[in-house]
Amino acid sequence: MYDADDITEETEEIILQRAQHSVDRSIHFLNRTRNSTEKTLEFTLPREEEDITLNLDRAKLSTKKAAATHDENLAKLKVGLQKQKRSLEQAGKNLAKLKQDSALLDVRSPLDGVLYHGAFLEGTWMGRKGVQGKLKKGGKLLSGEVVMTVVSLKDLALRASLTEADFRKVAPKMKGWATPTAEPGQRVAIEVKTVSTLPTSPGQYTVTFAVTQGDKTYLHPGMSCSIHLPVLDKPKAITVPTKALSTNSKGQIVLRLKAEGKGSGRLVRVKTGTSHGGKTEILKGVGEGDEVILP
């Protein structure tokens, strides 16, 4: 059993300890608050003030720059707006003109004939593959591009290439015939119209022919054929194989004739004429019946 005095003293001691603990905690929180406040005053607030001051200076500079260029930018925008207005006005006028022209446009061929899609290049039809995709709604054509060609069937012409070796053998008004690839058993009369004086490609010259079509209505532009021209019409001409001819130191054409009793033969000078198809015409130096030694 406890006496009343003992209980009172123990209670007072407990109360005092609790009060002391409360005071200690308050002092601890006070020190923490003091340290935090000192840190805020010494470091945090000055840094925040510095950042705010720096951002304010930047904002002032940006505002000053915007104010300085405002009038210039505004003037440029006004000029650009005026240009766009003029362009729009001109585009409207052009559109109205095009619509007016379109209403009056009546496309007519300059001649009666057959319409080919595409172009003819040096007499050869290039085909329709290159322009077929453009000849539709929404297709785009280039300026100056040939997309259609109207060809008359009344006056067909023939175009061919001539090698440099045969250049001197063909002349205007020479007559011959052509054999169509589509009908090898037929002949079409032709006549040389022109021979290009300059090569149209390395070693090649262009020859054009007039064509007598007659009743061969199956012939159309773009078709091919083989051409036959009589380059030499001398039934009594003396000819020898071209490979039997040679040149000497003076550049003259010589021919080796077979001599009686001698296998090697002898050389004679000859004057030559036209050469074609592996044969050359002899104008002087060889007579009929002379035998030629081939190399």
C-alpha atoms as a PDB file:
ATOM      1  CA  MET A   1       0.000   0.000   0.000  1.00  0.00           C
ATOM      2  CA  TYR A   2       1.199   3.541  -0.828  1.00  0.00           C
ATOM      3  CA  ASP A   3       0.846   6.441   1.438  1.00  0.00           C
ATOM      4  CA  ALA A   4      -0.889   9.538   0.159  1.00  0.00           C
ATOM      5  CA  ASP A   5       2.359  11.559   0.314  1.00  0.00           C
ATOM      6  CA  ASP A   6       4.236   8.971  -1.737  1.00  0.00           C
ATOM      7  CA  ILE A   7       1.602   9.023  -4.496  1.00  0.00           C
ATOM      8  CA  THR A   8       1.649  12.798  -4.660  1.00  0.00           C
ATOM      9  CA  GLU A   9       5.420  13.031  -5.018  1.00  0.00           C
ATOM     10  CA  GLU A  10       5.540  10.408  -7.778  1.00  0.00           C
ATOM     11  CA  THR A  11       2.762  12.155  -9.698  1.00  0.00           C
ATOM     12  CA  GLU A  12       4.503  15.495  -9.474  1.00  0.00           C
ATOM     13  CA  GLU A  13       7.728  13.898 -10.788  1.00  0.00           C
ATOM     14  CA  ILE A  14       5.932  12.378 -13.733  1.00  0.00           C
ATOM     15  CA  ILE A  15       4.274  15.669 -14.548  1.00  0.00           C
ATOM     16  CA  LEU A  16       7.607  17.479 -14.370  1.00  0.00           C
ATOM     17  CA  GLN A  17       9.279  14.940 -16.679  1.00  0.00           C
ATOM     18  CA  ARG A  18       6.495  15.274 -19.208  1.00  0.00           C
ATOM     19  CA  ALA A  19       6.764  19.035 -19.092  1.00  0.00           C
ATOM     20  CA  GLN A  20      10.516  18.806 -19.547  1.00  0.00           C
ATOM     21  CA  HIS A  21      10.092  16.538 -22.565  1.00  0.00           C
ATOM     22  CA  SER A  22       7.605  18.983 -24.079  1.00  0.00           C
ATOM     23  CA  VAL A  23      10.011  21.841 -23.546  1.00  0.00           C
ATOM     24  CA  ASP A  24      12.846  19.847 -25.162  1.00  0.00           C
ATOM     25  CA  ARG A  25      10.721  19.081 -28.196  1.00  0.00           C
ATOM     26  CA  SER A  26       9.736  22.719 -28.549  1.00  0.00           C
ATOM     27  CA  ILE A  27      13.375  23.778 -28.356  1.00  0.00           C
ATOM     28  CA  HIS A  28      14.265  21.170 -31.019  1.00  0.00           C
ATOM     29  CA  PHE A  29      11.510  22.387 -33.384  1.00  0.00           C
ATOM     30  CA  LEU A  30      12.537  25.953 -32.708  1.00  0.00           C
ATOM     31  CA  ASN A  31      16.130  25.209 -33.705  1.00  0.00           C
ATOM     32  CA  ARG A  32      14.960  23.431 -36.883  1.00  0.00           C
ATOM     33  CA  THR A  33      12.741  26.366 -37.782  1.00  0.00           C
ATOM     34  CA  ARG A  34      15.550  28.816 -37.062  1.00  0.00           C
ATOM     35  CA  ASN A  35      17.988  26.848 -39.282  1.00  0.00           C
ATOM     36  CA  SER A  36      15.454  26.591 -42.113  1.00  0.00           C
ATOM     37  CA  THR A  37      14.656  30.295 -41.886  1.00  0.00           C
ATOM     38  CA  GLU A  38      18.314  31.256 -41.886  1.00  0.00           C
ATOM     39  CA  LYS A  39      18.952  28.978 -44.934  1.00  0.00           C
ATOM     40  CA  THR A  40      15.984  30.509 -46.759  1.00  0.00           C
ATOM     41  CA  LEU A  41      17.111  34.041 -46.007  1.00  0.00           C
ATOM     42  CA  GLU A  42      20.756  33.366 -46.827  1.00  0.00           C
ATOM     43  CA  PHE A  43      20.486  31.162 -49.950  1.00  0.00           C
ATOM     44  CA  THR A  44      17.013  30.426 -51.314  1.00  0.00           C
ATOM     45  CA  LEU A  45      15.526  33.924 -51.424  1.00  0.00           C
ATOM     46  CA  PRO A  46      18.643  35.554 -52.968  1.00  0.00           C
ATOM     47  CA  ARG A  47      18.736  32.882 -55.683  1.00  0.00           C
ATOM     48  CA  GLU A  48      15.057  33.278 -56.410  1.00  0.00           C
ATOM     49  CA  GLU A  49      15.525  37.038 -56.535  1.00  0.00           C
ATOM     50  CA  GLU A  50      18.437  36.603 -58.959  1.00  0.00           C
ATOM     51  CA  ASP A  51      16.403  34.289 -61.219  1.00  0.00           C
ATOM     52  CA  ILE A  52      13.425  36.642 -61.198  1.00  0.00           C
ATOM     53  CA  THR A  53      15.684  39.594 -61.980  1.00  0.00           C
ATOM     54  CA  LEU A  54      17.363  37.695 -64.849  1.00  0.00           C
ATOM     55  CA  ASN A  55      14.007  36.631 -66.351  1.00  0.00           C
ATOM     56  CA  LEU A  56      12.760  40.185 -66.028  1.00  0.00           C
ATOM     57  CA  ASP A  57      15.812  41.501 -67.887  1.00  0.00           C
ATOM     58  CA  ARG A  58      15.300  38.933 -70.631  1.00  0.00           C
ATOM     59  CA  ALA A  59      11.641  39.853 -70.934  1.00  0.00           C
ATOM     60  CA  LYS A  60      12.584  43.532 -71.168  1.00  0.00           C
ATOM     61  CA  LEU A  61      15.110  42.785 -73.940  1.00  0.00           C
ATOM     62  CA  SER A  62      12.606  40.656 -75.854  1.00  0.00           C
ATOM     63  CA  THR A  63       9.940  43.327 -75.521  1.00  0.00           C
ATOM     64  CA  LYS A  64      12.383  45.990 -76.651  1.00  0.00           C
ATOM     65  CA  LYS A  65      13.436  43.909 -79.697  1.00  0.00           C
ATOM     66  CA  ALA A  66       9.819  43.156 -80.639  1.00  0.00           C
ATOM     67  CA  ALA A  67       8.948  46.827 -80.366  1.00  0.00           C
ATOM     68  CA  ALA A  68      11.939  47.787 -82.536  1.00  0.00           C
ATOM     69  CA  THR A  69      11.031  45.327 -85.350  1.00  0.00           C
ATOM     70  CA  HIS A  70       7.274  45.606 -85.080  1.00  0.00           C
ATOM     71  CA  ASP A  71       6.912  48.396 -87.620  1.00  0.00           C
ATOM     72  CA  GLU A  72       9.289  46.710 -90.079  1.00  0.00           C
ATOM     73  CA  ASN A  73       7.527  43.349 -89.838  1.00  0.00           C
ATOM     74  CA  LEU A  74       4.172  45.005 -90.179  1.00  0.00           C
ATOM     75  CA  ALA A  75       5.331  46.822 -93.317  1.00  0.00           C
ATOM     76  CA  LYS A  76       6.605  43.551 -94.838  1.00  0.00           C
ATOM     77  CA  LEU A  77       3.335  41.802 -94.075  1.00  0.00           C
ATOM     78  CA  LYS A  78       1.413  44.612 -95.743  1.00  0.00           C
ATOM     79  CA  VAL A  79       3.601  44.393 -98.865  1.00  0.00           C
ATOM     80  CA  GLY A  80       3.148  40.617 -99.007  1.00  0.00           C
ATOM     81  CA  LEU A  81      -0.596  40.989 -98.613  1.00  0.00           C
ATOM     82  CA  GLN A  82      -0.731  43.471-101.487  1.00  0.00           C
ATOM     83  CA  LYS A  83       1.252  41.079-103.709  1.00  0.00           C
ATOM     84  CA  GLN A  84      -1.107  38.232-102.906  1.00  0.00           C
ATOM     85  CA  LYS A  85      -4.102  40.424-103.667  1.00  0.00           C
ATOM     86  CA  ARG A  86      -2.637  41.410-107.048  1.00  0.00           C
ATOM     87  CA  SER A  87      -1.747  37.785-107.848  1.00  0.00           C
ATOM     88  CA  LEU A  88      -5.247  36.665-106.936  1.00  0.00           C
ATOM     89  CA  GLU A  89      -6.758  39.420-109.061  1.00  0.00           C
ATOM     90  CA  GLN A  90      -4.545  38.503-112.047  1.00  0.00           C
ATOM     91  CA  ALA A  91      -5.323  34.799-111.625  1.00  0.00           C
ATOM     92  CA  GLY A  92      -9.023  35.636-111.699  1.00  0.00           C
ATOM     93  CA  LYS A  93      -8.587  37.598-114.929  1.00  0.00           C
ATOM     94  CA  ASN A  94      -6.562  34.759-116.514  1.00  0.00           C
ATOM     95  CA  LEU A  95      -9.167  32.203-115.491  1.00  0.00           C
ATOM     96  CA  ALA A  96     -11.963  34.312-116.967  1.00  0.00           C
ATOM     97  CA  LYS A  97     -10.002  34.682-120.215  1.00  0.00           C
ATOM     98  CA  LEU A  98      -9.310  30.951-120.413  1.00  0.00           C
ATOM     99  CA  LYS A  99     -12.961  30.163-119.845  1.00  0.00           C
ATOM    100  CA  GLN A 100     -13.902  32.629-122.594  1.00  0.00           C
ATOM    101  CA  ASP A 101     -11.335  31.104-124.974  1.00  0.00           C
ATOM    102  CA  SER A 102     -12.499  27.604-124.089  1.00  0.00           C
ATOM    103  CA  ALA A 103     -16.065  28.503-124.998  1.00  0.00           C
ATOM    104  CA  LEU A 104     -14.886  29.731-128.405  1.00  0.00           C
ATOM    105  CA  LEU A 105     -12.317  26.987-129.038  1.00  0.00           C
ATOM    106  CA  ASP A 106     -13.083  24.641-131.899  1.00  0.00           C
ATOM    107  CA  VAL A 107     -10.235  22.198-132.498  1.00  0.00           C
ATOM    108  CA  ARG A 108      -9.997  21.208-136.146  1.00  0.00           C
ATOM    109  CA  SER A 109      -7.369  19.179-137.932  1.00  0.00           C
ATOM    110  CA  PRO A 110      -5.510  21.067-140.689  1.00  0.00           C
ATOM    111  CA  LEU A 111      -5.953  18.089-142.999  1.00  0.00           C
ATOM    112  CA  ASP A 112      -7.882  14.853-143.447  1.00  0.00           C
ATOM    113  CA  GLY A 113      -6.013  11.811-142.292  1.00  0.00           C
ATOM    114  CA  VAL A 114      -5.418   9.344-139.483  1.00  0.00           C
ATOM    115  CA  LEU A 115      -4.834  10.451-135.883  1.00  0.00           C
ATOM    116  CA  TYR A 116      -1.803   8.869-134.219  1.00  0.00           C
ATOM    117  CA  HIS A 117      -1.194   9.239-130.484  1.00  0.00           C
ATOM    118  CA  GLY A 118       2.417  10.361-130.088  1.00  0.00           C
ATOM    119  CA  ALA A 119       5.002  11.781-132.483  1.00  0.00           C
ATOM    120  CA  PHE A 120       6.895  10.730-135.597  1.00  0.00           C
ATOM    121  CA  LEU A 121      10.672  11.100-135.277  1.00  0.00           C
ATOM    122  CA  GLU A 122      12.542  11.029-138.587  1.00  0.00           C
ATOM    123  CA  GLY A 123       9.744   9.054-140.159  1.00  0.00           C
ATOM    124  CA  THR A 124       9.483   6.516-137.339  1.00  0.00           C
ATOM    125  CA  TRP A 125       6.398   6.450-135.149  1.00  0.00           C
ATOM    126  CA  MET A 126       7.455   6.549-131.480  1.00  0.00           C
ATOM    127  CA  GLY A 127       4.269   4.802-130.307  1.00  0.00           C
ATOM    128  CA  ARG A 128       1.520   5.847-127.913  1.00  0.00           C
ATOM    129  CA  LYS A 129       2.939   4.359-124.726  1.00  0.00           C
ATOM    130  CA  GLY A 130       4.719   7.571-123.728  1.00  0.00           C
ATOM    131  CA  VAL A 131       1.592   9.760-123.936  1.00  0.00           C
ATOM    132  CA  GLN A 132      -1.250   7.332-123.298  1.00  0.00           C
ATOM    133  CA  GLY A 133      -1.246   8.039-119.562  1.00  0.00           C
ATOM    134  CA  LYS A 134      -1.423  11.794-120.180  1.00  0.00           C
ATOM    135  CA  LEU A 135      -4.375  11.755-122.579  1.00  0.00           C
ATOM    136  CA  LYS A 136      -6.981  11.495-119.854  1.00  0.00           C
ATOM    137  CA  LYS A 137      -8.753  13.744-117.412  1.00  0.00           C
ATOM    138  CA  GLY A 138      -6.212  15.171-114.987  1.00  0.00           C
ATOM    139  CA  GLY A 139      -3.239  14.252-117.191  1.00  0.00           C
ATOM    140  CA  LYS A 140      -0.452  16.811-117.474  1.00  0.00           C
ATOM    141  CA  LEU A 141       1.250  17.728-120.757  1.00  0.00           C
ATOM    142  CA  LEU A 142       4.595  19.493-121.097  1.00  0.00           C
ATOM    143  CA  SER A 143       4.930  22.679-123.088  1.00  0.00           C
ATOM    144  CA  GLY A 144       5.796  21.882-126.701  1.00  0.00           C
ATOM    145  CA  GLU A 145       5.202  18.148-126.230  1.00  0.00           C
ATOM    146  CA  VAL A 146       3.772  16.339-129.271  1.00  0.00           C
ATOM    147  CA  VAL A 147       0.927  14.108-128.129  1.00  0.00           C
ATOM    148  CA  MET A 148      -1.026  13.664-131.372  1.00  0.00           C
ATOM    149  CA  THR A 149      -0.088  13.618-135.053  1.00  0.00           C
ATOM    150  CA  VAL A 150      -2.534  13.723-137.963  1.00  0.00           C
ATOM    151  CA  VAL A 151      -1.089  11.987-141.030  1.00  0.00           C
ATOM    152  CA  SER A 152      -2.562  12.209-144.510  1.00  0.00           C
ATOM    153  CA  LEU A 153      -2.916   8.920-146.367  1.00  0.00           C
ATOM    154  CA  LYS A 154      -3.075  10.562-149.784  1.00  0.00           C
ATOM    155  CA  ASP A 155       0.600  11.360-150.207  1.00  0.00           C
ATOM    156  CA  LEU A 156       2.630   8.715-148.434  1.00  0.00           C
ATOM    157  CA  ALA A 157       6.380   9.249-148.243  1.00  0.00           C
ATOM    158  CA  LEU A 158       9.194   6.837-147.520  1.00  0.00           C
ATOM    159  CA  ARG A 159      12.204   7.614-145.382  1.00  0.00           C
ATOM    160  CA  ALA A 160      15.405   5.574-145.156  1.00  0.00           C
ATOM    161  CA  SER A 161      19.017   5.794-144.017  1.00  0.00           C
ATOM    162  CA  LEU A 162      21.913   5.573-146.469  1.00  0.00           C
ATOM    163  CA  THR A 163      25.399   4.510-145.465  1.00  0.00           C
ATOM    164  CA  GLU A 164      28.375   6.649-146.330  1.00  0.00           C
ATOM    165  CA  ALA A 165      29.679   3.926-148.661  1.00  0.00           C
ATOM    166  CA  ASP A 166      26.523   4.270-150.805  1.00  0.00           C
ATOM    167  CA  PHE A 167      26.132   8.041-150.493  1.00  0.00           C
ATOM    168  CA  ARG A 168      27.406   8.822-154.008  1.00  0.00           C
ATOM    169  CA  LYS A 169      25.298   6.131-155.637  1.00  0.00           C
ATOM    170  CA  VAL A 170      21.886   7.633-154.890  1.00  0.00           C
ATOM    171  CA  ALA A 171      20.568  10.864-156.418  1.00  0.00           C
ATOM    172  CA  PRO A 172      17.165  12.567-156.784  1.00  0.00           C
ATOM    173  CA  LYS A 173      14.774  11.230-159.443  1.00  0.00           C
ATOM    174  CA  MET A 174      16.229   7.722-159.296  1.00  0.00           C
ATOM    175  CA  LYS A 175      13.408   5.186-159.534  1.00  0.00           C
ATOM    176  CA  GLY A 176      13.048   1.839-157.841  1.00  0.00           C
ATOM    177  CA  TRP A 177      10.576  -0.185-155.801  1.00  0.00           C
ATOM    178  CA  ALA A 178       9.821  -1.077-152.203  1.00  0.00           C
ATOM    179  CA  THR A 179       8.665  -4.406-150.826  1.00  0.00           C
ATOM    180  CA  PRO A 180       6.239  -3.936-147.888  1.00  0.00           C
ATOM    181  CA  THR A 181       6.943  -6.065-144.833  1.00  0.00           C
ATOM    182  CA  ALA A 182       3.204  -6.623-144.537  1.00  0.00           C
ATOM    183  CA  GLU A 183       3.002  -8.018-148.094  1.00  0.00           C
ATOM    184  CA  PRO A 184       6.364  -9.367-149.354  1.00  0.00           C
ATOM    185  CA  GLY A 185       4.842 -10.436-152.672  1.00  0.00           C
ATOM    186  CA  GLN A 186       3.911  -6.889-153.654  1.00  0.00           C
ATOM    187  CA  ARG A 187       5.975  -4.054-155.147  1.00  0.00           C
ATOM    188  CA  VAL A 188       5.416  -0.339-154.601  1.00  0.00           C
ATOM    189  CA  ALA A 189       6.934   2.132-157.057  1.00  0.00           C
ATOM    190  CA  ILE A 190       9.188   4.755-155.438  1.00  0.00           C
ATOM    191  CA  GLU A 191      11.315   7.705-156.592  1.00  0.00           C
ATOM    192  CA  VAL A 192      14.137   9.464-154.765  1.00  0.00           C
ATOM    193  CA  LYS A 193      13.056  12.970-153.716  1.00  0.00           C
ATOM    194  CA  THR A 194      15.945  14.197-151.566  1.00  0.00           C
ATOM    195  CA  VAL A 195      19.289  13.022-150.234  1.00  0.00           C
ATOM    196  CA  SER A 196      20.721  14.870-147.223  1.00  0.00           C
ATOM    197  CA  THR A 197      24.004  16.599-148.013  1.00  0.00           C
ATOM    198  CA  LEU A 198      25.175  16.282-144.410  1.00  0.00           C
ATOM    199  CA  PRO A 199      25.110  13.140-142.252  1.00  0.00           C
ATOM    200  CA  THR A 200      22.101  12.912-139.932  1.00  0.00           C
ATOM    201  CA  SER A 201      24.048  10.539-137.676  1.00  0.00           C
ATOM    202  CA  PRO A 202      27.624   9.193-137.845  1.00  0.00           C
ATOM    203  CA  GLY A 203      28.071   7.513-141.238  1.00  0.00           C
ATOM    204  CA  GLN A 204      24.355   7.782-142.086  1.00  0.00           C
ATOM    205  CA  TYR A 205      22.484  10.012-144.569  1.00  0.00           C
ATOM    206  CA  THR A 206      18.730  10.443-144.877  1.00  0.00           C
ATOM    207  CA  VAL A 207      16.926   9.680-148.142  1.00  0.00           C
ATOM    208  CA  THR A 208      13.267  10.493-148.805  1.00  0.00           C
ATOM    209  CA  PHE A 209      11.176   8.827-151.497  1.00  0.00           C
ATOM    210  CA  ALA A 210       7.891   9.617-153.195  1.00  0.00           C
ATOM    211  CA  VAL A 211       5.570   6.603-153.061  1.00  0.00           C
ATOM    212  CA  THR A 212       3.070   5.537-155.731  1.00  0.00           C
ATOM    213  CA  GLN A 213       0.589   3.761-153.503  1.00  0.00           C
ATOM    214  CA  GLY A 214      -1.889   2.763-156.183  1.00  0.00           C
ATOM    215  CA  ASP A 215      -4.561   0.406-154.872  1.00  0.00           C
ATOM    216  CA  LYS A 216      -2.513  -0.755-151.881  1.00  0.00           C
ATOM    217  CA  THR A 217      -4.793   0.783-149.276  1.00  0.00           C
ATOM    218  CA  TYR A 218      -3.327  -1.370-146.502  1.00  0.00           C
ATOM    219  CA  LEU A 219      -0.223   0.825-146.422  1.00  0.00           C
ATOM    220  CA  HIS A 220      -0.229   3.199-143.470  1.00  0.00           C
ATOM    221  CA  PRO A 221       2.313   5.544-141.868  1.00  0.00           C
ATOM    222  CA  GLY A 222       4.678   3.753-139.514  1.00  0.00           C
ATOM    223  CA  MET A 223       4.908   0.556-141.582  1.00  0.00           C
ATOM    224  CA  SER A 224       8.265  -0.755-142.816  1.00  0.00           C
ATOM    225  CA  CYS A 225       9.611  -2.113-146.094  1.00  0.00           C
ATOM    226  CA  SER A 226      12.775  -3.039-147.971  1.00  0.00           C
ATOM    227  CA  ILE A 227      14.023  -0.708-150.742  1.00  0.00           C
ATOM    228  CA  HIS A 228      15.493  -1.659-154.099  1.00  0.00           C
ATOM    229  CA  LEU A 229      17.290   0.876-156.335  1.00  0.00           C
ATOM    230  CA  PRO A 230      19.160   0.078-159.580  1.00  0.00           C
ATOM    231  CA  VAL A 231      22.393   1.969-158.976  1.00  0.00           C
ATOM    232  CA  LEU A 232      23.962   0.815-162.271  1.00  0.00           C
ATOM    233  CA  ASP A 233      22.016   0.094-165.464  1.00  0.00           C
ATOM    234  CA  LYS A 234      24.695  -0.980-167.942  1.00  0.00           C
ATOM    235  CA  PRO A 235      23.995  -4.439-169.363  1.00  0.00           C
ATOM    236  CA  LYS A 236      27.396  -4.537-171.144  1.00  0.00           C
ATOM    237  CA  ALA A 237      29.443  -3.191-168.243  1.00  0.00           C
ATOM    238  CA  ILE A 238      32.566  -5.135-167.246  1.00  0.00           C
ATOM    239  CA  THR A 239      32.725  -5.846-163.516  1.00  0.00           C
ATOM    240  CA  VAL A 240      35.151  -7.681-161.256  1.00  0.00           C
ATOM    241  CA  PRO A 241      34.967  -8.674-157.585  1.00  0.00           C
ATOM    242  CA  THR A 242      35.885  -5.617-155.501  1.00  0.00           C
ATOM    243  CA  LYS A 243      38.262  -7.659-153.334  1.00  0.00           C
ATOM    244  CA  ALA A 244      40.414  -8.339-156.413  1.00  0.00           C
ATOM    245  CA  LEU A 245      41.394  -4.643-156.559  1.00  0.00           C
ATOM    246  CA  SER A 246      44.261  -3.044-154.676  1.00  0.00           C
ATOM    247  CA  THR A 247      46.359   0.150-154.744  1.00  0.00           C
ATOM    248  CA  ASN A 248      50.024   0.771-155.445  1.00  0.00           C
ATOM    249  CA  SER A 249      52.422   3.416-154.139  1.00  0.00           C
ATOM    250  CA  LYS A 250      50.878   6.004-156.466  1.00  0.00           C
ATOM    251  CA  GLY A 251      47.423   5.286-155.118  1.00  0.00           C
ATOM    252  CA  GLN A 252      46.169   3.843-158.436  1.00  0.00           C
ATOM    253  CA  ILE A 253      43.812   0.888-158.615  1.00  0.00           C
ATOM    254  CA  VAL A 254      45.583  -2.207-159.946  1.00  0.00           C
ATOM    255  CA  LEU A 255      44.330  -5.630-160.844  1.00  0.00           C
ATOM    256  CA  ARG A 256      46.204  -8.931-161.093  1.00  0.00           C
ATOM    257  CA  LEU A 257      45.385 -10.757-164.302  1.00  0.00           C
ATOM    258  CA  LYS A 258      46.124 -14.384-164.916  1.00  0.00           C
ATOM    259  CA  ALA A 259      48.910 -14.810-167.487  1.00  0.00           C
ATOM    260  CA  GLU A 260      49.321 -17.855-169.716  1.00  0.00           C
ATOM    261  CA  GLY A 261      51.829 -20.300-168.310  1.00  0.00           C
ATOM    262  CA  LYS A 262      52.426 -18.243-165.162  1.00  0.00           C
ATOM    263  CA  GLY A 263      50.626 -18.898-161.918  1.00  0.00           C
ATOM    264  CA  SER A 264      51.358 -15.534-160.281  1.00  0.00           C
ATOM    265  CA  GLY A 265      49.843 -13.438-163.094  1.00  0.00           C
ATOM    266  CA  ARG A 266      50.600  -9.792-163.811  1.00  0.00           C
ATOM    267  CA  LEU A 267      49.481  -6.405-162.466  1.00  0.00           C
ATOM    268  CA  VAL A 268      47.633  -3.887-164.613  1.00  0.00           C
ATOM    269  CA  ARG A 269      46.332  -0.432-163.885  1.00  0.00           C
ATOM    270  CA  VAL A 270      42.595   0.010-164.251  1.00  0.00           C
ATOM    271  CA  LYS A 271      40.081   2.829-164.115  1.00  0.00           C
ATOM    272  CA  THR A 272      37.063   2.007-161.969  1.00  0.00           C
ATOM    273  CA  GLY A 273      33.461   3.145-161.981  1.00  0.00           C
ATOM    274  CA  THR A 274      30.624   2.327-159.611  1.00  0.00           C
ATOM    275  CA  SER A 275      31.008  -0.270-156.851  1.00  0.00           C
ATOM    276  CA  HIS A 276      28.054  -2.089-155.351  1.00  0.00           C
ATOM    277  CA  GLY A 277      27.191  -5.463-153.913  1.00  0.00           C
ATOM    278  CA  GLY A 278      30.813  -6.630-153.814  1.00  0.00           C
ATOM    279  CA  LYS A 279      31.438  -5.827-157.520  1.00  0.00           C
ATOM    280  CA  THR A 280      33.173  -2.864-159.166  1.00  0.00           C
ATOM    281  CA  GLU A 281      32.714  -1.544-162.700  1.00  0.00           C
ATOM    282  CA  ILE A 282      35.940  -1.406-164.779  1.00  0.00           C
ATOM    283  CA  LEU A 283      36.005   1.461-167.256  1.00  0.00           C
ATOM    284  CA  LYS A 284      39.537   0.947-168.622  1.00  0.00           C
ATOM    285  CA  GLY A 285      42.379  -1.560-168.362  1.00  0.00           C
ATOM    286  CA  VAL A 286      40.500  -4.882-168.551  1.00  0.00           C
ATOM    287  CA  GLY A 287      38.625  -6.402-171.435  1.00  0.00           C
ATOM    288  CA  GLU A 288      35.942  -9.002-171.744  1.00  0.00           C
ATOM    289  CA  GLY A 289      37.282 -12.535-171.179  1.00  0.00           C
ATOM    290  CA  ASP A 290      40.279 -11.488-169.031  1.00  0.00           C
ATOM    291  CA  GLU A 291      40.711 -13.720-166.004  1.00  0.00           C
ATOM    292  CA  VAL A 292      41.219 -12.190-162.554  1.00  0.00           C
ATOM    293  CA  ILE A 293      43.181 -13.721-159.704  1.00  0.00           C
ATOM    294  CA  LEU A 294      41.442 -13.308-156.331  1.00  0.00           C
ATOM    295  CA  PRO A 295      43.582 -12.829-153.213  1.00  0.00           C
END
